[in-house]
Amino acid sequence: MARRVIGLDIGTNAVRVSEIEVGPSPILRAFGQVALPPEAMREGEVVDPGAVSAAIERLWRELGLRKGEVRVGIASPRVIVRPVELPAMPDEELAGALRFQAQELIPIPIEEAVFDFQVLETTPPVDEQDAGTSRVLLVAAHRDAVQRVVDAVRGAGLRVGAVDVVPLGLVRTLADVGLGDEAGAEAIVSIGGGTTVIVVHEDGLPRFVRILGVGGRALTEAIARELDLPFETAESVKRQGDLAPDELGARARAAMERPLHDLLDEVRGSIDYYRTQSGAAPLRRVLVTGGTSRLSGLNERLGRLLGVQTEDARPRDRVVVGDIGFPPEELPTLDPYLPVPIGLALGGIGTARRIDLTTLEKREAVDRRVIAGIAAAAVVLLAVLTLLTTNKASAVAKARDNVTAARTANNRLQAQVSSLGTVQADQLQVDAIKTQVTGLLQGDVSWGRLLQGIARTIPSDVWLTGFQGNIAKASSGAAPSAAAQTAAGLSGNTSAAPTGNAAVTPAVAGAGPSGSITFTASGLDFTSVAAWLQRVSGIPSFSNVWVSSATRPAPTPGQPAVVTFTSSATFNAGARSDRIKQVQQDTAG
């Protein structure tokens, strides 16, 4: 069975869906719409998620669609769509660069925004020093607006495959239809109930996008107000147009004149702004769509304002229309309502990267899985450390037994001091046993305290996948210099060692445990590695913290490209356990 993709358009007055069968020529297999209550949407944003969910459920039930994944669109004045030019680089690095510059590029506080990008075109480098240029379409929206769309769709029992933006869906459906080989730009004006979308493209590449928070509903409200009619009656009179009774129609047209003039003037101002941009191509044609485009005389009036050819959009030229339950003679009446849901569905065809404003949410889901992984790793570490602690406890118990035996022998020797001439030798033996016990515990490491230090300081975007500790014996040889350690990879050290070629102090008996600890870890990006170095270098028990390797594999579709790295550190006296003090207290008693 051929794969099918579903596009869902949540408009001001209705929810609309199209199901596209993927093939050499996309086939429209289903289309339908269900009306929304007047206050469910406002200026393209969901106000009542419950009402929207109920309308979507009814639409699915009436069309007999299977509940699954849908691509949904959003269009609101609070959605920002703008082209940005950046040096050519892989998508992962582009994402980091845009994240770094986002606050300068979008008028939304970064903590309240979600954003994504799509590379439109790349200019090859001019010479070896030039990396080339990428023209990137940056899309940002308020997090709460996107979340309400997602909640409404999920409330209907559907999965959100992506939250796309309506202007890009319009371009996919309508770009270049009938334009031929004539060079220049084409504008698409979609006048809906609560919003008007204006997008100018050249050969299918968006050059200018603006979303107005006004549409056909303003005309209906003017009719209802001036003629003192209920909103539903005023909407019916507006749609009747020239077919309305003469007097009623004349009064309705007079009531609409001012808001219609203001709306078309906003459209003209937006397109004039595009025309004034440096390098803007001449505007050859304007395609008009949306429910309000059916208003009698609107095309001619807009054409006169803009001074260019203005036509009705023809979305059926880009898809094969299957049996969708409408007679052929009624299909033209669907043209104003088809472009958005079809364009959203077409975004799910092919392998090219598409806009998805739920990217951040999916990344947060990955973060939650990472946290679960960290918790699992912590359990493993605790198990390992428990085993090590058990072994050490056994060694300490054995040492205590030896001390007790030595004390018993010493007492016995003291009782026989008058008759034995070997007391001094026995005392030396006891002292040797004490020294042996002390030496055994001299390098004893407090693994529990080390784990607590790691757990308290590890960055939230880093998780451990491996852990290995090694306790070295005392040695008189010189340790590698700080310069040599730095040459092995990224390094960090909290000690205030002088610069130059000073060597690290070798391990000496009595100075505390000596050894190293090696971590295998993963992070979301290279800044996570830097955060790891900074945090772990601050643990008092560690010194000479460095990263010996850090790699990021090629990304897998649907999965983040994390950075895998190996980090090492050496113990210092702060890692020593307190058990030697306990033994010394016991032996002194």
Protein backbone atom coordinates (compact mmCIF):
# COMPACT_ATOMS: atom_id res chain seq x y z
CA MET A 1 0.00 0.00 0.00
CA ALA A 2 1.37 3.40 -0.96
CA ARG A 3 2.41 5.71 1.85
CA ARG A 4 -0.01 8.50 2.74
CA VAL A 5 0.69 11.84 4.45
CA ILE A 6 -1.92 13.98 6.21
CA GLY A 7 -1.90 17.77 6.40
CA LEU A 8 -4.12 19.51 8.97
CA ASP A 9 -5.02 23.20 8.66
CA ILE A 10 -6.51 24.75 11.81
CA GLY A 11 -8.08 27.90 10.42
CA THR A 12 -10.06 30.66 12.08
CA ASN A 13 -13.49 29.34 11.06
CA ALA A 14 -12.82 25.65 10.32
CA VAL A 15 -10.38 22.77 10.53
CA ARG A 16 -9.45 21.24 7.16
CA VAL A 17 -7.59 18.06 6.32
CA SER A 18 -6.06 16.57 3.18
CA GLU A 19 -4.66 13.07 2.77
CA ILE A 20 -2.00 12.78 0.06
CA GLU A 21 -0.85 9.49 -1.43
CA VAL A 22 2.88 9.61 -2.13
CA GLY A 23 3.92 8.71 -5.67
CA PRO A 24 5.41 10.13 -8.89
CA SER A 25 2.40 12.47 -8.92
CA PRO A 26 0.87 13.15 -5.48
CA ILE A 27 -2.77 12.07 -5.30
CA LEU A 28 -5.36 13.79 -3.12
CA ARG A 29 -7.24 10.87 -1.56
CA ALA A 30 -9.36 12.71 1.02
CA PHE A 31 -10.40 16.25 1.87
CA GLY A 32 -12.90 17.67 4.32
CA GLN A 33 -13.61 20.49 6.72
CA VAL A 34 -15.59 21.06 9.93
CA ALA A 35 -16.61 24.46 11.29
CA LEU A 36 -15.19 25.84 14.53
CA PRO A 37 -17.00 27.92 17.16
CA PRO A 38 -16.38 31.66 16.63
CA GLU A 39 -14.10 32.06 19.69
CA ALA A 40 -12.08 28.83 19.34
CA MET A 41 -9.38 30.67 17.35
CA ARG A 42 -8.14 34.25 17.41
CA GLU A 43 -5.59 35.75 14.98
CA GLY A 44 -4.44 32.28 13.94
CA GLU A 45 -3.84 30.96 17.47
CA VAL A 46 -5.76 28.33 19.42
CA VAL A 47 -7.82 29.89 22.22
CA ASP A 48 -10.00 26.88 23.10
CA PRO A 49 -8.00 23.62 22.61
CA GLY A 50 -11.00 21.52 23.70
CA ALA A 51 -13.26 22.94 20.99
CA VAL A 52 -10.56 22.46 18.36
CA SER A 53 -9.95 18.86 19.49
CA ALA A 54 -13.68 18.12 19.25
CA ALA A 55 -13.85 19.54 15.70
CA ILE A 56 -10.81 17.47 14.62
CA GLU A 57 -12.35 14.29 16.08
CA ARG A 58 -15.59 14.96 14.23
CA LEU A 59 -13.69 15.57 10.97
CA TRP A 60 -11.80 12.28 11.30
CA ARG A 61 -15.01 10.44 12.09
CA GLU A 62 -16.89 11.88 9.10
CA LEU A 63 -14.06 11.09 6.66
CA GLY A 64 -13.28 7.69 8.17
CA LEU A 65 -9.58 8.52 8.50
CA ARG A 66 -7.27 6.35 10.58
CA LYS A 67 -5.81 8.13 13.60
CA GLY A 68 -2.07 8.50 13.24
CA GLU A 69 0.53 11.15 12.55
CA VAL A 70 -0.36 14.54 11.02
CA ARG A 71 1.55 17.61 9.88
CA VAL A 72 -0.16 20.70 11.26
CA GLY A 73 0.38 24.35 10.33
CA ILE A 74 0.43 27.60 12.26
CA ALA A 75 -0.01 31.19 11.01
CA SER A 76 -0.07 34.08 13.44
CA PRO A 77 1.35 37.60 13.67
CA ARG A 78 3.49 36.16 16.50
CA VAL A 79 5.17 33.75 14.04
CA ILE A 80 8.41 35.19 12.64
CA VAL A 81 9.67 34.00 9.24
CA ARG A 82 12.77 35.70 7.90
CA PRO A 83 15.70 34.83 5.62
CA VAL A 84 19.20 35.01 7.12
CA GLU A 85 22.56 34.77 5.36
CA LEU A 86 25.31 32.84 7.17
CA PRO A 87 28.62 31.22 6.17
CA ALA A 88 28.02 27.77 4.69
CA MET A 89 28.35 25.04 7.32
CA PRO A 90 26.73 21.68 8.24
CA ASP A 91 23.20 21.76 9.67
CA GLU A 92 24.41 20.90 13.20
CA GLU A 93 26.75 23.90 13.22
CA LEU A 94 24.07 26.12 11.65
CA ALA A 95 21.72 25.16 14.48
CA GLY A 96 24.34 26.19 17.03
CA ALA A 97 25.08 29.47 15.25
CA LEU A 98 21.39 30.38 15.01
CA ARG A 99 20.82 29.43 18.64
CA PHE A 100 23.69 31.76 19.59
CA GLN A 101 22.34 34.65 17.49
CA ALA A 102 18.61 33.99 17.96
CA GLN A 103 17.98 36.84 20.40
CA GLU A 104 19.38 39.33 17.87
CA LEU A 105 17.33 37.90 15.00
CA ILE A 106 13.86 37.46 16.53
CA PRO A 107 11.79 39.87 18.67
CA ILE A 108 10.82 37.12 21.13
CA PRO A 109 12.54 36.46 24.48
CA ILE A 110 14.66 33.39 23.84
CA GLU A 111 13.23 31.54 26.85
CA GLU A 112 9.70 31.97 25.42
CA ALA A 113 10.55 31.00 21.82
CA VAL A 114 10.78 27.86 19.75
CA PHE A 115 12.53 28.04 16.40
CA ASP A 116 13.80 25.98 13.48
CA PHE A 117 15.47 26.64 10.16
CA GLN A 118 15.68 25.42 6.57
CA VAL A 119 18.54 26.02 4.15
CA LEU A 120 17.07 27.56 1.00
CA GLU A 121 20.20 27.78 -1.15
CA THR A 122 23.98 27.74 -0.83
CA THR A 123 26.42 29.91 -2.77
CA PRO A 124 29.69 28.05 -3.54
CA PRO A 125 32.98 29.53 -2.23
CA VAL A 126 34.82 32.04 -4.39
CA ASP A 127 38.32 30.96 -3.30
CA GLU A 128 40.05 28.70 -0.78
CA GLN A 129 39.62 31.21 2.04
CA ASP A 130 35.87 31.56 1.36
CA ALA A 131 33.49 28.98 2.89
CA GLY A 132 30.54 30.02 0.72
CA THR A 133 27.21 31.41 1.91
CA SER A 134 23.98 29.72 2.97
CA ARG A 135 20.64 31.50 2.68
CA VAL A 136 18.67 30.17 5.62
CA LEU A 137 14.99 30.58 6.41
CA LEU A 138 14.63 31.11 10.17
CA VAL A 139 11.20 30.44 11.68
CA ALA A 140 10.35 31.29 15.29
CA ALA A 141 7.16 31.36 17.32
CA HIS A 142 6.03 31.82 20.89
CA ARG A 143 6.29 28.52 22.74
CA ASP A 144 2.78 28.79 24.22
CA ALA A 145 1.17 29.28 20.78
CA VAL A 146 2.84 26.14 19.40
CA GLN A 147 2.06 24.15 22.53
CA ARG A 148 -1.68 24.93 22.29
CA VAL A 149 -1.71 23.66 18.68
CA VAL A 150 0.05 20.45 19.78
CA ASP A 151 -2.34 20.02 22.74
CA ALA A 152 -5.40 20.44 20.50
CA VAL A 153 -4.18 17.82 18.01
CA ARG A 154 -3.19 15.37 20.74
CA GLY A 155 -6.54 15.95 22.41
CA ALA A 156 -8.14 14.45 19.30
CA GLY A 157 -6.04 11.30 19.69
CA LEU A 158 -3.55 12.14 16.91
CA ARG A 159 0.25 12.33 16.86
CA VAL A 160 1.97 15.54 15.76
CA GLY A 161 4.59 14.69 13.14
CA ALA A 162 5.60 18.33 12.71
CA VAL A 163 4.37 21.87 13.32
CA ASP A 164 5.05 23.65 10.02
CA VAL A 165 4.19 27.23 9.05
CA VAL A 166 1.36 28.06 6.64
CA PRO A 167 3.41 30.37 4.32
CA LEU A 168 5.74 27.49 3.37
CA GLY A 169 2.76 25.20 2.75
CA LEU A 170 1.30 27.78 0.35
CA VAL A 171 4.58 27.94 -1.60
CA ARG A 172 4.76 24.14 -1.91
CA THR A 173 1.24 23.97 -3.33
CA LEU A 174 1.15 27.04 -5.57
CA ALA A 175 4.70 28.13 -6.51
CA ASP A 176 5.35 28.48 -10.26
CA VAL A 177 1.95 27.11 -11.30
CA GLY A 178 1.36 28.69 -14.71
CA LEU A 179 4.19 31.22 -14.35
CA GLY A 180 6.23 29.63 -17.13
CA ASP A 181 9.80 30.69 -17.84
CA GLU A 182 9.20 34.36 -17.14
CA ALA A 183 11.83 35.62 -14.68
CA GLY A 184 10.73 37.44 -11.57
CA ALA A 185 8.89 36.95 -8.32
CA GLU A 186 5.41 35.74 -7.51
CA ALA A 187 3.31 36.75 -4.51
CA ILE A 188 0.76 34.52 -2.81
CA VAL A 189 -1.91 36.27 -0.73
CA SER A 190 -4.08 33.98 1.41
CA ILE A 191 -6.94 35.86 3.12
CA GLY A 192 -8.44 33.67 5.80
CA GLY A 193 -10.93 34.39 8.54
CA GLY A 194 -8.59 35.81 11.18
CA THR A 195 -5.23 36.15 9.39
CA THR A 196 -3.85 37.14 6.01
CA VAL A 197 -0.63 35.47 4.85
CA ILE A 198 1.60 37.22 2.30
CA VAL A 199 4.57 35.33 0.89
CA VAL A 200 6.76 36.36 -2.06
CA HIS A 201 8.93 33.70 -3.69
CA GLU A 202 11.36 33.36 -6.58
CA ASP A 203 11.39 29.93 -8.22
CA GLY A 204 9.87 28.43 -5.09
CA LEU A 205 12.36 30.04 -2.67
CA PRO A 206 10.63 32.32 -0.12
CA ARG A 207 12.07 35.85 -0.15
CA PHE A 208 9.52 37.69 2.01
CA VAL A 209 6.85 36.57 4.48
CA ARG A 210 4.38 38.58 6.52
CA ILE A 211 1.36 37.43 8.53
CA LEU A 212 -1.35 39.99 9.31
CA GLY A 213 -3.73 39.54 12.24
CA VAL A 214 -6.79 40.53 10.19
CA GLY A 215 -8.94 38.73 7.64
CA GLY A 216 -12.50 38.07 6.55
CA ARG A 217 -13.84 37.98 10.11
CA ALA A 218 -13.34 41.77 10.35
CA LEU A 219 -15.71 42.17 7.38
CA THR A 220 -18.32 39.90 8.99
CA GLU A 221 -18.10 41.80 12.28
CA ALA A 222 -18.61 45.10 10.41
CA ILE A 223 -21.76 43.73 8.72
CA ALA A 224 -23.09 42.37 12.02
CA ARG A 225 -22.44 45.68 13.74
CA GLU A 226 -23.82 48.00 11.05
CA LEU A 227 -26.87 45.87 10.17
CA ASP A 228 -27.50 44.66 13.74
CA LEU A 229 -27.36 41.00 12.73
CA PRO A 230 -26.13 37.87 14.55
CA PHE A 231 -22.59 36.90 13.57
CA GLU A 232 -23.70 33.73 11.74
CA THR A 233 -26.30 35.68 9.72
CA ALA A 234 -23.77 38.37 8.84
CA GLU A 235 -21.32 35.67 7.66
CA SER A 236 -24.03 34.18 5.43
CA VAL A 237 -24.84 37.61 3.92
CA LYS A 238 -21.15 38.21 3.22
CA ARG A 239 -20.78 34.87 1.44
CA GLN A 240 -23.88 35.44 -0.68
CA GLY A 241 -22.18 38.49 -2.18
CA ASP A 242 -24.04 39.67 -5.28
CA LEU A 243 -26.74 37.02 -4.70
CA ALA A 244 -27.96 38.73 -1.52
CA PRO A 245 -31.19 40.78 -1.75
CA ASP A 246 -30.49 44.18 -3.31
CA GLU A 247 -31.00 46.39 -0.28
CA LEU A 248 -29.38 43.95 2.14
CA GLY A 249 -26.46 43.35 -0.24
CA ALA A 250 -25.92 47.09 -0.76
CA ARG A 251 -25.88 47.75 2.99
CA ALA A 252 -23.49 44.81 3.56
CA ARG A 253 -21.08 46.09 0.89
CA ALA A 254 -21.15 49.56 2.43
CA ALA A 255 -20.43 48.10 5.89
CA MET A 256 -17.47 46.10 4.53
CA GLU A 257 -15.91 48.98 2.61
CA ARG A 258 -13.77 50.48 5.39
CA PRO A 259 -12.32 47.23 6.84
CA LEU A 260 -11.80 45.84 3.31
CA HIS A 261 -9.96 49.02 2.28
CA ASP A 262 -7.74 48.79 5.38
CA LEU A 263 -7.01 45.09 4.75
CA LEU A 264 -6.02 45.57 1.09
CA ASP A 265 -3.97 48.62 2.03
CA GLU A 266 -2.02 46.45 4.52
CA VAL A 267 -1.39 43.90 1.74
CA ARG A 268 -0.18 46.62 -0.61
CA GLY A 269 2.11 48.06 2.08
CA SER A 270 3.66 44.64 2.72
CA ILE A 271 4.35 43.98 -0.97
CA ASP A 272 5.67 47.51 -1.45
CA TYR A 273 8.09 46.83 1.40
CA TYR A 274 9.35 43.73 -0.45
CA ARG A 275 9.78 45.76 -3.63
CA THR A 276 12.05 48.25 -1.83
CA GLN A 277 14.47 45.54 -0.64
CA SER A 278 17.91 45.40 -2.22
CA GLY A 279 18.04 42.74 -4.94
CA ALA A 280 14.27 42.18 -5.00
CA ALA A 281 13.13 40.65 -8.28
CA PRO A 282 10.27 42.32 -10.20
CA LEU A 283 6.83 41.13 -9.12
CA ARG A 284 5.19 39.38 -12.10
CA ARG A 285 2.00 37.95 -10.63
CA VAL A 286 -0.15 37.70 -7.48
CA LEU A 287 -2.11 34.56 -6.62
CA VAL A 288 -5.06 35.04 -4.26
CA THR A 289 -6.51 32.25 -2.11
CA GLY A 290 -8.31 31.71 1.21
CA GLY A 291 -12.01 31.83 2.01
CA THR A 292 -12.26 35.64 1.72
CA SER A 293 -10.76 35.52 -1.81
CA ARG A 294 -14.25 34.50 -3.04
CA LEU A 295 -15.50 38.03 -2.29
CA SER A 296 -16.82 39.53 -5.52
CA GLY A 297 -14.44 42.00 -7.20
CA LEU A 298 -11.59 41.47 -4.70
CA ASN A 299 -9.05 40.27 -7.30
CA GLU A 300 -9.62 43.22 -9.62
CA ARG A 301 -9.41 45.70 -6.76
CA LEU A 302 -6.16 44.20 -5.43
CA GLY A 303 -4.69 44.09 -8.95
CA ARG A 304 -5.34 47.81 -9.41
CA LEU A 305 -3.67 48.59 -6.05
CA LEU A 306 -0.56 46.52 -6.85
CA GLY A 307 -0.35 47.25 -10.58
CA VAL A 308 0.27 43.58 -11.46
CA GLN A 309 -1.69 40.62 -12.77
CA THR A 310 -3.86 39.09 -10.02
CA GLU A 311 -5.38 35.60 -10.33
CA ASP A 312 -7.19 32.97 -8.31
CA ALA A 313 -4.83 30.24 -7.05
CA ARG A 314 -5.25 26.79 -8.66
CA PRO A 315 -4.03 24.17 -6.17
CA ARG A 316 -5.45 21.25 -8.18
CA ASP A 317 -2.78 21.86 -10.83
CA ARG A 318 -0.13 20.40 -8.46
CA VAL A 319 -1.91 17.19 -7.42
CA VAL A 320 -4.07 14.50 -8.97
CA VAL A 321 -7.52 14.72 -7.38
CA GLY A 322 -8.84 11.26 -6.59
CA ASP A 323 -12.33 10.32 -5.46
CA ILE A 324 -12.79 12.69 -2.51
CA GLY A 325 -16.58 12.60 -2.45
CA PHE A 326 -17.28 15.81 -4.42
CA PRO A 327 -18.82 15.99 -7.91
CA PRO A 328 -16.34 17.32 -10.54
CA GLU A 329 -18.42 20.47 -11.07
CA GLU A 330 -18.04 21.38 -7.36
CA LEU A 331 -14.25 20.99 -7.21
CA PRO A 332 -13.53 24.64 -8.22
CA THR A 333 -15.40 25.80 -5.11
CA LEU A 334 -12.79 23.97 -3.00
CA ASP A 335 -9.80 25.82 -4.51
CA PRO A 336 -9.64 28.56 -1.83
CA TYR A 337 -9.48 25.93 0.93
CA LEU A 338 -7.11 23.32 -0.54
CA PRO A 339 -3.68 25.06 -0.69
CA VAL A 340 -2.81 25.03 3.02
CA PRO A 341 -3.68 21.40 3.99
CA ILE A 342 -2.21 20.09 0.72
CA GLY A 343 0.98 22.13 1.22
CA LEU A 344 1.37 20.89 4.80
CA ALA A 345 1.00 17.29 3.63
CA LEU A 346 3.52 17.81 0.80
CA GLY A 347 6.04 18.86 3.46
CA GLY A 348 6.14 15.23 4.59
CA ILE A 349 7.17 13.96 1.14
CA GLY A 350 10.84 13.58 0.27
CA THR A 351 13.99 13.65 2.37
CA ALA A 352 14.75 17.39 2.38
CA ARG A 353 14.92 19.04 5.79
CA ARG A 354 11.61 20.75 6.64
CA ILE A 355 10.56 23.25 9.29
CA ASP A 356 9.31 21.64 12.50
CA LEU A 357 8.66 23.89 15.50
CA THR A 358 8.39 20.85 17.77
CA THR A 359 12.12 20.23 17.37
CA LEU A 360 12.79 21.74 20.81
CA GLU A 361 10.09 19.62 22.42
CA LYS A 362 11.59 16.49 20.84
CA ARG A 363 15.04 17.54 22.06
CA GLU A 364 13.62 17.94 25.58
CA ALA A 365 12.18 14.43 25.29
CA VAL A 366 15.67 13.24 24.36
CA ASP A 367 16.97 15.11 27.42
CA ARG A 368 14.48 13.24 29.59
CA ARG A 369 15.75 9.97 28.15
CA VAL A 370 19.29 11.15 28.83
CA ILE A 371 18.39 11.88 32.45
CA ALA A 372 16.93 8.38 32.71
CA GLY A 373 20.18 7.05 31.24
CA ILE A 374 22.18 9.02 33.79
CA ALA A 375 20.06 7.60 36.56
CA ALA A 376 20.65 4.08 35.23
CA ALA A 377 24.38 4.78 34.98
CA ALA A 378 24.35 6.07 38.55
CA VAL A 379 22.76 2.83 39.70
CA VAL A 380 25.50 0.87 37.91
CA LEU A 381 28.17 3.10 39.45
CA LEU A 382 26.65 2.63 42.88
CA ALA A 383 26.71 -1.12 42.37
CA VAL A 384 30.36 -1.01 41.31
CA LEU A 385 31.31 1.26 44.21
CA THR A 386 29.34 -0.91 46.62
CA LEU A 387 31.36 -3.89 45.44
CA LEU A 388 34.61 -1.95 45.82
CA THR A 389 33.54 -0.73 49.26
CA THR A 390 32.64 -4.27 50.30
CA ASN A 391 36.07 -5.51 49.23
CA LYS A 392 37.76 -2.66 51.08
CA ALA A 393 35.62 -3.29 54.16
CA SER A 394 36.71 -6.91 54.06
CA ALA A 395 40.35 -5.82 53.85
CA VAL A 396 39.86 -3.40 56.75
CA ALA A 397 38.16 -6.09 58.86
CA LYS A 398 41.05 -8.42 58.13
CA ALA A 399 43.50 -5.66 59.05
CA ARG A 400 41.62 -5.05 62.28
CA ASP A 401 41.79 -8.77 63.02
CA ASN A 402 45.53 -8.58 62.48
CA VAL A 403 45.77 -5.59 64.81
CA THR A 404 43.72 -7.42 67.45
CA ALA A 405 45.96 -10.44 67.13
CA ALA A 406 49.03 -8.22 67.38
CA ARG A 407 47.61 -6.52 70.49
CA THR A 408 46.93 -9.90 72.08
CA ALA A 409 50.46 -11.04 71.28
CA ASN A 410 51.85 -7.79 72.65
CA ASN A 411 49.93 -8.21 75.93
CA ARG A 412 51.17 -11.73 76.24
CA LEU A 413 54.72 -10.59 75.62
CA GLN A 414 54.38 -7.82 78.21
CA ALA A 415 53.26 -10.37 80.79
CA GLN A 416 56.31 -12.46 80.05
CA VAL A 417 58.73 -9.51 79.87
CA SER A 418 60.60 -10.57 82.97
CA SER A 419 61.26 -14.07 81.71
CA LEU A 420 61.71 -13.45 78.02
CA GLY A 421 64.75 -11.82 76.48
CA THR A 422 63.15 -11.35 73.07
CA VAL A 423 60.70 -8.58 74.01
CA GLN A 424 62.40 -6.02 71.81
CA ALA A 425 62.21 -8.28 68.78
CA ASP A 426 58.52 -8.98 69.43
CA GLN A 427 57.82 -5.27 69.81
CA LEU A 428 59.52 -4.61 66.49
CA GLN A 429 57.29 -7.23 64.93
CA VAL A 430 54.19 -5.55 66.32
CA ASP A 431 55.36 -2.17 65.00
CA ALA A 432 55.96 -3.75 61.62
CA ILE A 433 52.38 -5.05 61.57
CA LYS A 434 51.08 -1.57 62.44
CA THR A 435 53.16 -0.11 59.64
CA GLN A 436 51.81 -2.74 57.24
CA VAL A 437 48.21 -1.92 58.17
CA THR A 438 48.88 1.80 57.85
CA GLY A 439 50.51 1.30 54.45
CA LEU A 440 47.59 -0.83 53.30
CA LEU A 441 45.11 1.94 54.06
CA GLN A 442 47.37 4.82 52.99
CA GLY A 443 46.12 4.58 49.41
CA ASP A 444 42.51 3.76 50.35
CA VAL A 445 40.17 5.88 48.16
CA SER A 446 36.73 7.10 49.32
CA TRP A 447 34.81 6.05 46.23
CA GLY A 448 31.51 7.13 47.75
CA ARG A 449 32.73 10.68 48.30
CA LEU A 450 34.09 10.81 44.72
CA LEU A 451 30.73 9.66 43.31
CA GLN A 452 28.89 12.28 45.36
CA GLY A 453 31.23 14.96 44.02
CA ILE A 454 30.60 13.84 40.43
CA ALA A 455 26.82 13.67 40.93
CA ARG A 456 26.74 17.18 42.42
CA THR A 457 28.79 18.82 39.69
CA ILE A 458 28.07 16.96 36.43
CA PRO A 459 26.40 19.30 33.87
CA SER A 460 22.76 18.57 33.10
CA ASP A 461 23.50 17.97 29.40
CA VAL A 462 26.26 15.37 30.04
CA TRP A 463 25.76 11.74 31.01
CA LEU A 464 28.29 9.04 31.96
CA THR A 465 28.48 5.79 29.98
CA GLY A 466 31.64 4.34 31.53
CA PHE A 467 33.84 4.68 34.64
CA GLN A 468 37.20 3.18 35.53
CA GLY A 469 39.44 3.92 38.53
CA ASN A 470 43.07 2.89 39.01
CA ILE A 471 45.07 3.23 42.25
CA ALA A 472 48.82 3.50 41.58
CA LYS A 473 51.58 2.39 43.91
CA ALA A 474 53.98 4.97 45.31
CA SER A 475 56.71 5.82 42.84
CA SER A 476 59.73 8.07 42.81
CA GLY A 477 59.53 8.64 39.05
CA ALA A 478 58.43 12.00 37.70
CA ALA A 479 54.87 12.38 36.50
CA PRO A 480 54.12 13.83 33.02
CA SER A 481 54.43 17.57 32.84
CA ALA A 482 51.35 19.80 32.59
CA ALA A 483 52.38 20.68 29.04
CA ALA A 484 52.50 16.99 28.08
CA GLN A 485 49.04 16.43 29.56
CA THR A 486 47.66 19.42 27.65
CA ALA A 487 49.13 18.06 24.41
CA ALA A 488 47.13 14.87 24.91
CA GLY A 489 43.82 16.77 24.67
CA LEU A 490 41.71 19.47 26.31
CA SER A 491 42.81 19.98 29.92
CA GLY A 492 41.69 21.82 33.01
CA ASN A 493 43.26 22.14 36.46
CA THR A 494 42.14 24.06 39.50
CA SER A 495 45.63 24.06 41.09
CA ALA A 496 47.56 27.31 41.04
CA ALA A 497 50.69 25.74 39.55
CA PRO A 498 53.26 28.18 38.06
CA THR A 499 53.52 28.37 34.30
CA GLY A 500 56.48 26.87 32.48
CA ASN A 501 57.76 23.28 32.54
CA ALA A 502 57.13 22.49 36.22
CA ALA A 503 56.59 18.74 36.74
CA VAL A 504 53.73 17.22 38.70
CA THR A 505 54.81 16.01 42.20
CA PRO A 506 55.31 12.23 42.21
CA ALA A 507 53.30 10.01 44.54
CA VAL A 508 55.03 9.49 47.91
CA ALA A 509 54.17 7.17 50.73
CA GLY A 510 52.07 8.94 53.32
CA ALA A 511 50.91 11.66 50.90
CA GLY A 512 47.56 10.01 50.17
CA PRO A 513 46.23 7.83 47.35
CA SER A 514 47.70 8.16 43.89
CA GLY A 515 46.04 7.03 40.73
CA SER A 516 43.74 8.01 37.94
CA ILE A 517 40.09 7.86 37.02
CA THR A 518 38.76 7.64 33.47
CA PHE A 519 35.24 8.55 32.37
CA THR A 520 33.46 7.76 29.14
CA ALA A 521 30.63 10.24 28.64
CA SER A 522 28.29 11.85 26.11
CA GLY A 523 27.00 15.40 25.74
CA LEU A 524 24.56 17.30 23.53
CA ASP A 525 27.33 19.30 21.88
CA PHE A 526 30.94 20.48 22.33
CA THR A 527 29.86 23.17 24.78
CA SER A 528 28.74 20.31 27.02
CA VAL A 529 32.35 19.00 26.98
CA ALA A 530 33.64 22.42 28.02
CA ALA A 531 31.05 22.55 30.83
CA TRP A 532 32.21 19.09 31.99
CA LEU A 533 35.83 20.27 32.19
CA GLN A 534 34.90 23.39 34.12
CA ARG A 535 32.65 21.55 36.60
CA VAL A 536 34.81 18.45 37.25
CA SER A 537 37.97 20.58 37.61
CA GLY A 538 36.29 22.16 40.63
CA ILE A 539 36.04 18.85 42.56
CA PRO A 540 38.68 19.10 45.36
CA SER A 541 39.57 15.39 45.11
CA PHE A 542 40.61 15.67 41.41
CA SER A 543 43.46 17.37 39.63
CA ASN A 544 44.84 17.38 36.09
CA VAL A 545 41.39 16.96 34.54
CA TRP A 546 41.54 16.67 30.77
CA VAL A 547 39.60 15.36 27.76
CA SER A 548 41.65 13.03 25.60
CA SER A 549 39.13 12.60 22.80
CA ALA A 550 35.78 14.00 21.69
CA THR A 551 33.87 12.93 18.61
CA ARG A 552 30.46 13.63 17.10
CA PRO A 553 29.21 11.04 14.55
CA ALA A 554 27.10 11.91 11.50
CA PRO A 555 23.49 12.62 12.51
CA THR A 556 20.79 9.93 12.22
CA PRO A 557 17.33 11.09 11.06
CA GLY A 558 15.10 11.70 14.05
CA GLN A 559 17.96 11.40 16.54
CA PRO A 560 20.30 14.13 17.93
CA ALA A 561 24.02 13.94 17.01
CA VAL A 562 25.57 13.78 20.50
CA VAL A 563 29.23 14.24 21.32
CA THR A 564 31.05 11.23 22.80
CA PHE A 565 34.19 11.96 24.78
CA THR A 566 36.75 10.41 27.13
CA SER A 567 37.96 12.34 30.16
CA SER A 568 40.63 11.51 32.73
CA ALA A 569 41.80 12.91 36.06
CA THR A 570 44.25 12.08 38.83
CA PHE A 571 43.54 11.66 42.53
CA ASN A 572 44.97 13.91 45.20
CA ALA A 573 45.02 13.67 48.97
CA GLY A 574 41.39 14.79 49.13
CA ALA A 575 40.32 11.38 47.72
CA ARG A 576 41.66 9.43 50.70
CA SER A 577 39.11 7.68 52.91
CA ASP A 578 38.82 8.14 56.69
CA ARG A 579 39.34 4.47 57.51
CA ILE A 580 43.06 4.89 58.27
CA LYS A 581 42.16 7.30 61.09
CA GLN A 582 39.72 4.78 62.51
CA VAL A 583 42.36 2.04 62.47
CA GLN A 584 44.92 4.35 64.07
CA GLN A 585 42.43 5.23 66.81
CA ASP A 586 41.69 1.55 67.37
CA THR A 587 45.37 0.59 67.52
CA ALA A 588 46.10 3.44 69.91
CA GLY A 589 43.41 2.28 72.32
